[in-house]
Amino acid sequence: MEPRKISLRASLYALPVRLKNLLAAPLRHGSKPLAIAASVHEETLVPIHAQPKSKKTKPSIWKRRRRMRARLSEAKKYSQQLEELNRLQAEFIANVSHEFRTPLNGILGYTDLLRDGFYGEMTPEQLAVLHHIRDCGNHLLDLVNEVLDLSRLKKHQVPLELEFIPPVELIEAAAAAVQPLAKQKHLDLITRCGPDLPMLRLDFRRVYQVLLNLLGNAIKFTNEGRVEVGAYRDGKSVRFHVKDTGIGIAPEFGRHVFKDFRQKDGTPRPFGGVGLGLSLSKRLVELHGGTIGYATKPGVGTEFYFHIPLSTA
């Protein structure tokens, strides 16, 4: 039997089929690549210059870097502008507070002279009106002082006059100061202190101010029930607390509690104040190296607490 002859044309047609089982590999002429098989299942050869280029090329990386630098530069400029605005705002508040405080002290001084009969005797009705004028003037002066203290704290210009103080003395002094306010609203004011409280090195006036702010808020937002103030040893610190049976704090307002000029949800304030007491208290506590927080249940009550370390710088 004669061997079967295969024509050159048949061999050329069968060549792509045989290539299906080969791994894709570049075809070379010496050291120069000519083409590469696109796939082991394809019958065509794709030239190397027609291969898709990688997306991650050097020009695209440099473009990204330039864009990032431009964004960082814009963010830096924006941050500097915000810092400058904050500085101008603090200076404006400080100047306005100073200008307000001087005439207010004059008004209160003349009110005292009238009350004491320096300009002649006054009728009971006039004395009652004068008493209201003095209360309003003192309230306005307290607000101005809060704004001024906040401005100083932001500039780190509030030096502490540190001395060793028993916590019980702070609790009793603050409770005595707000006792008339609690009586006006028929609230029970309770003091509760733990045994063997250690002496604390702190600024009496500043921590006393924090307690007054917390007690004032507790009485303001409590219509019935009681307000409790106290302290006890908690590890390496003393924990002060003020509890009330008031309206509580809504969950959606929780993140704004310690912000400046915020009270409730930013709507007109039915309880008075400018929303600086808690913000100021937070900064004063942190100035002593302490922390402040709160726990609340809407409609049940709120507890504000802060820790003062046993030793402060």
Foldseek 3Di string as FASTA:
>chain_A
DDDDDDDPVNVVVCVLVVQLPPAWDFDDDVPHTFWICPHSRDSDTGGPVPDDDDPDDPVVVVVVVVVVVVVVVVVVVVVVVVVVVVVVVLVVLQVVLVVVLVVLVVVLVVLVCVLVQVVHDDDPVVNVVSVVVNVVSVVVNVQSVLSNLVSCLVVVNDDWPWDWDFVVVLQVVLCVVCVVLCVVLVAAEEEDEDPPGGTATGRSVLVSLLSNLLVVVQSLQANYYYKYWYWYDDPQWIKTKIKHQGQWADPVCQVVQQPFQDDRHNPDDPSDDRNRSNVSSQSSLVVQVKGKDKDTDGNGIIMIMMIHGRYGD
